[in-house]
Each structure stands twice: as structure tokens, then as C-alpha cells.
């Protein structure tokens, strides 16, 4: 499964966005992760916003989008990835 990652600019992060993504990568070691690129299609796009303002522009990204806007979204994201794998 190909998973694209789109980060916000990080101007007002209230949690460590990279740490959350690294934890997800550790759980899903067999999946392919890369920075999401416009024009490419992904099974999943992780849209990682450092705060609830959620300003990361994901409009041109193709794939099932999972939003991480706080640390509490970690488990929800993991569950959604598992569901998408079925």
C-alpha cells in the first residue's frame, strides 16, 4: 500500500508531527511511505496538521485522506489505516 504524507507548515504546532508519523511508520513497516506529490495517486494520504487550524493544502492530492490534527488523532489514524487494508 502506498501512503503519502502531507505536512502543514508547522507554524503553530502543538505536538511533534514527525514523531506521530514515525510511530505510524513503525506499526506499518511493510507499507510504502513518501511525501505526497501532486499528480500521484495514493491508497492513503496522511494530512498532518500541527494544530486544529488544519491549514495543510491537500486539495490536489489523490487518495483516501486521513487527518491528524492532534496527538489524540494517532489511534484513529492507525485504526483507519487497518480498515483501509482490509
N, C-alpha and C. Protein backbone atom coordinates (compact mmCIF):
# COMPACT_ATOMS: atom_id res chain seq x y z
N UNK A 1 0.85 -1.17 0.00
CA UNK A 1 0.00 0.00 0.00
C UNK A 1 0.90 1.24 0.00
N UNK A 2 0.55 2.21 -0.82
CA UNK A 2 1.29 3.47 -0.89
C UNK A 2 0.60 4.53 -0.04
N UNK A 3 1.36 5.12 0.86
CA UNK A 3 0.83 6.13 1.76
C UNK A 3 1.62 7.42 1.56
N UNK A 4 0.92 8.47 1.15
CA UNK A 4 1.53 9.78 1.01
C UNK A 4 1.39 10.56 2.30
N UNK A 5 2.35 11.40 2.57
CA UNK A 5 2.34 12.22 3.79
C UNK A 5 2.37 13.69 3.39
N UNK A 6 1.43 14.46 3.89
CA UNK A 6 1.39 15.90 3.65
C UNK A 6 1.41 16.60 5.01
N UNK A 7 2.47 17.35 5.25
CA UNK A 7 2.59 18.12 6.49
C UNK A 7 2.14 19.56 6.26
N UNK A 8 1.63 20.17 7.30
CA UNK A 8 1.39 21.62 7.28
C UNK A 8 2.75 22.31 7.40
N UNK A 9 2.74 23.62 7.41
CA UNK A 9 3.98 24.37 7.52
C UNK A 9 4.61 24.37 8.91
N UNK A 10 3.87 23.96 9.91
CA UNK A 10 4.42 23.84 11.26
C UNK A 10 4.53 25.15 12.02
N UNK A 11 3.80 26.17 11.61
CA UNK A 11 3.96 27.49 12.23
C UNK A 11 3.40 27.55 13.65
N UNK A 12 2.47 26.67 13.99
CA UNK A 12 1.83 26.74 15.31
C UNK A 12 1.63 25.35 15.89
N UNK A 13 2.59 24.46 15.67
CA UNK A 13 2.43 23.06 16.11
C UNK A 13 2.31 22.96 17.62
N UNK A 14 1.32 22.16 18.02
CA UNK A 14 1.12 21.91 19.46
C UNK A 14 1.55 20.49 19.83
N UNK A 15 2.07 19.74 18.84
CA UNK A 15 2.60 18.40 19.09
C UNK A 15 3.66 18.10 18.04
N UNK A 16 4.43 17.05 18.26
CA UNK A 16 5.51 16.67 17.35
C UNK A 16 4.92 15.85 16.20
N UNK A 17 4.71 16.51 15.07
CA UNK A 17 4.09 15.88 13.90
C UNK A 17 4.93 14.73 13.37
N UNK A 18 6.24 14.92 13.33
CA UNK A 18 7.14 13.90 12.79
C UNK A 18 7.14 12.66 13.68
N UNK A 19 7.10 12.86 14.99
CA UNK A 19 7.07 11.72 15.91
C UNK A 19 5.82 10.87 15.69
N UNK A 20 4.68 11.51 15.49
CA UNK A 20 3.43 10.78 15.25
C UNK A 20 3.55 9.94 13.97
N UNK A 21 4.05 10.54 12.92
CA UNK A 21 4.20 9.82 11.65
C UNK A 21 5.21 8.69 11.80
N UNK A 22 6.30 8.91 12.52
CA UNK A 22 7.27 7.84 12.74
C UNK A 22 6.67 6.67 13.51
N UNK A 23 5.79 6.95 14.46
CA UNK A 23 5.10 5.88 15.19
C UNK A 23 4.19 5.08 14.25
N UNK A 24 3.53 5.77 13.33
CA UNK A 24 2.68 5.09 12.36
C UNK A 24 3.53 4.24 11.42
N UNK A 25 4.65 4.78 10.97
CA UNK A 25 5.55 4.04 10.08
C UNK A 25 6.07 2.78 10.77
N UNK A 26 6.32 2.87 12.05
CA UNK A 26 6.83 1.72 12.82
C UNK A 26 5.79 0.60 12.87
N UNK A 27 4.52 0.97 13.00
CA UNK A 27 3.45 -0.03 13.04
C UNK A 27 3.24 -0.66 11.67
N UNK A 28 3.32 0.14 10.63
CA UNK A 28 3.05 -0.32 9.27
C UNK A 28 4.34 -0.39 8.45
N UNK A 29 5.30 -1.16 8.95
CA UNK A 29 6.62 -1.26 8.33
C UNK A 29 6.58 -1.75 6.89
N UNK A 30 5.60 -2.57 6.57
CA UNK A 30 5.54 -3.17 5.24
C UNK A 30 4.96 -2.23 4.19
N UNK A 31 4.45 -1.09 4.61
CA UNK A 31 3.84 -0.14 3.66
C UNK A 31 4.88 0.85 3.14
N UNK A 32 4.60 1.41 1.97
CA UNK A 32 5.48 2.40 1.35
C UNK A 32 5.00 3.80 1.73
N UNK A 33 5.85 4.56 2.42
CA UNK A 33 5.54 5.93 2.80
C UNK A 33 6.41 6.88 2.00
N UNK A 34 5.83 7.99 1.57
CA UNK A 34 6.60 9.03 0.89
C UNK A 34 5.88 10.35 1.07
N UNK A 35 6.62 11.44 0.85
CA UNK A 35 5.98 12.75 0.86
C UNK A 35 5.01 12.80 -0.31
N UNK A 36 3.79 13.20 -0.05
CA UNK A 36 2.75 13.23 -1.08
C UNK A 36 3.08 14.28 -2.14
N UNK A 37 2.92 13.87 -3.39
CA UNK A 37 3.19 14.77 -4.52
C UNK A 37 1.91 14.95 -5.32
N UNK A 38 1.66 16.18 -5.75
CA UNK A 38 0.52 16.45 -6.61
C UNK A 38 0.65 15.63 -7.88
N UNK A 39 -0.46 15.07 -8.32
CA UNK A 39 -0.47 14.27 -9.55
C UNK A 39 -0.28 12.79 -9.31
N UNK A 40 0.34 12.41 -8.21
CA UNK A 40 0.49 10.99 -7.89
C UNK A 40 -0.74 10.53 -7.11
N UNK A 41 -1.08 9.24 -7.27
CA UNK A 41 -2.21 8.67 -6.54
C UNK A 41 -1.68 7.79 -5.41
N UNK A 42 -2.38 7.84 -4.30
CA UNK A 42 -2.00 7.07 -3.11
C UNK A 42 -3.21 6.29 -2.62
N UNK A 43 -2.94 5.18 -1.96
CA UNK A 43 -4.03 4.46 -1.29
C UNK A 43 -4.56 5.32 -0.14
N UNK A 44 -3.63 5.93 0.57
CA UNK A 44 -3.95 6.80 1.71
C UNK A 44 -3.05 8.01 1.66
N UNK A 45 -3.60 9.16 2.04
CA UNK A 45 -2.80 10.36 2.24
C UNK A 45 -2.99 10.78 3.69
N UNK A 46 -1.89 10.78 4.45
CA UNK A 46 -1.92 11.31 5.81
C UNK A 46 -1.73 12.81 5.73
N UNK A 47 -2.74 13.56 6.15
CA UNK A 47 -2.66 15.02 6.17
C UNK A 47 -2.40 15.40 7.61
N UNK A 48 -1.16 15.83 7.88
CA UNK A 48 -0.71 16.05 9.26
C UNK A 48 -0.62 17.55 9.53
N UNK A 49 -1.54 18.02 10.35
CA UNK A 49 -1.60 19.43 10.75
C UNK A 49 -1.14 19.54 12.19
N UNK A 50 -0.30 20.51 12.48
CA UNK A 50 0.24 20.67 13.83
C UNK A 50 -0.72 21.27 14.83
N UNK A 51 -1.87 21.74 14.33
CA UNK A 51 -2.88 22.31 15.24
C UNK A 51 -4.25 22.13 14.60
N UNK A 52 -5.27 22.52 15.31
CA UNK A 52 -6.64 22.32 14.83
C UNK A 52 -7.04 23.30 13.73
N UNK A 53 -6.19 24.26 13.42
CA UNK A 53 -6.47 25.15 12.30
C UNK A 53 -6.51 24.37 10.99
N UNK A 54 -5.72 23.32 10.92
CA UNK A 54 -5.73 22.38 9.80
C UNK A 54 -5.56 23.07 8.45
N UNK A 55 -4.44 23.77 8.29
CA UNK A 55 -4.23 24.59 7.10
C UNK A 55 -3.50 23.89 5.96
N UNK A 56 -3.05 22.64 6.14
CA UNK A 56 -2.30 21.96 5.09
C UNK A 56 -3.18 21.81 3.84
N UNK A 57 -2.69 22.31 2.73
CA UNK A 57 -3.46 22.24 1.48
C UNK A 57 -3.32 20.84 0.89
N UNK A 58 -4.43 20.14 0.85
CA UNK A 58 -4.45 18.77 0.35
C UNK A 58 -5.37 18.64 -0.87
N UNK A 59 -5.83 19.76 -1.39
CA UNK A 59 -6.83 19.75 -2.46
C UNK A 59 -6.36 19.05 -3.74
N UNK A 60 -5.08 19.08 -4.03
CA UNK A 60 -4.58 18.47 -5.26
C UNK A 60 -4.02 17.07 -5.05
N UNK A 61 -4.20 16.52 -3.86
CA UNK A 61 -3.66 15.18 -3.57
C UNK A 61 -4.75 14.14 -3.76
N UNK A 62 -4.36 13.01 -4.37
CA UNK A 62 -5.31 11.95 -4.69
C UNK A 62 -5.10 10.76 -3.77
N UNK A 63 -6.18 10.35 -3.12
CA UNK A 63 -6.15 9.19 -2.24
C UNK A 63 -7.11 9.40 -1.08
N UNK A 64 -7.34 8.32 -0.34
CA UNK A 64 -8.19 8.38 0.85
C UNK A 64 -7.45 9.19 1.91
N UNK A 65 -8.02 10.30 2.33
CA UNK A 65 -7.33 11.20 3.25
C UNK A 65 -7.68 10.89 4.70
N UNK A 66 -6.62 10.83 5.51
CA UNK A 66 -6.76 10.67 6.96
C UNK A 66 -6.11 11.89 7.58
N UNK A 67 -6.86 12.58 8.44
CA UNK A 67 -6.39 13.83 9.02
C UNK A 67 -5.88 13.61 10.44
N UNK A 68 -4.70 14.14 10.71
CA UNK A 68 -4.11 14.12 12.04
C UNK A 68 -3.90 15.57 12.44
N UNK A 69 -4.73 16.04 13.36
CA UNK A 69 -4.68 17.44 13.79
C UNK A 69 -4.29 17.59 15.25
N UNK A 70 -4.07 16.47 15.94
CA UNK A 70 -3.64 16.50 17.34
C UNK A 70 -3.08 15.12 17.69
N UNK A 71 -2.42 15.04 18.83
CA UNK A 71 -1.88 13.74 19.27
C UNK A 71 -2.98 12.71 19.45
N UNK A 72 -4.16 13.18 19.84
CA UNK A 72 -5.26 12.24 20.09
C UNK A 72 -5.77 11.60 18.79
N UNK A 73 -5.38 12.11 17.64
CA UNK A 73 -5.79 11.53 16.36
C UNK A 73 -4.92 10.34 15.96
N UNK A 74 -3.87 10.06 16.71
CA UNK A 74 -2.95 8.98 16.37
C UNK A 74 -3.68 7.64 16.26
N UNK A 75 -4.39 7.24 17.31
CA UNK A 75 -5.04 5.93 17.30
C UNK A 75 -6.13 5.85 16.25
N UNK A 76 -6.84 6.95 16.03
CA UNK A 76 -7.86 6.98 14.98
C UNK A 76 -7.21 6.73 13.62
N UNK A 77 -6.06 7.36 13.37
CA UNK A 77 -5.36 7.18 12.11
C UNK A 77 -4.91 5.73 11.94
N UNK A 78 -4.37 5.14 12.98
CA UNK A 78 -3.94 3.74 12.92
C UNK A 78 -5.12 2.83 12.60
N UNK A 79 -6.24 3.06 13.27
CA UNK A 79 -7.44 2.23 13.03
C UNK A 79 -7.93 2.38 11.60
N UNK A 80 -7.92 3.61 11.07
CA UNK A 80 -8.38 3.83 9.71
C UNK A 80 -7.47 3.18 8.68
N UNK A 81 -6.16 3.17 8.95
CA UNK A 81 -5.23 2.50 8.03
C UNK A 81 -5.50 1.00 8.04
N UNK A 82 -5.68 0.42 9.23
CA UNK A 82 -6.02 -1.01 9.31
C UNK A 82 -7.31 -1.29 8.54
N UNK A 83 -8.31 -0.47 8.70
CA UNK A 83 -9.58 -0.66 7.99
C UNK A 83 -9.38 -0.59 6.48
N UNK A 84 -8.56 0.33 6.03
CA UNK A 84 -8.33 0.50 4.60
C UNK A 84 -7.60 -0.69 4.00
N UNK A 85 -6.81 -1.37 4.82
CA UNK A 85 -6.04 -2.53 4.34
C UNK A 85 -6.93 -3.74 4.08
N UNK A 86 -8.10 -3.77 4.67
CA UNK A 86 -8.99 -4.95 4.53
C UNK A 86 -9.55 -5.07 3.14
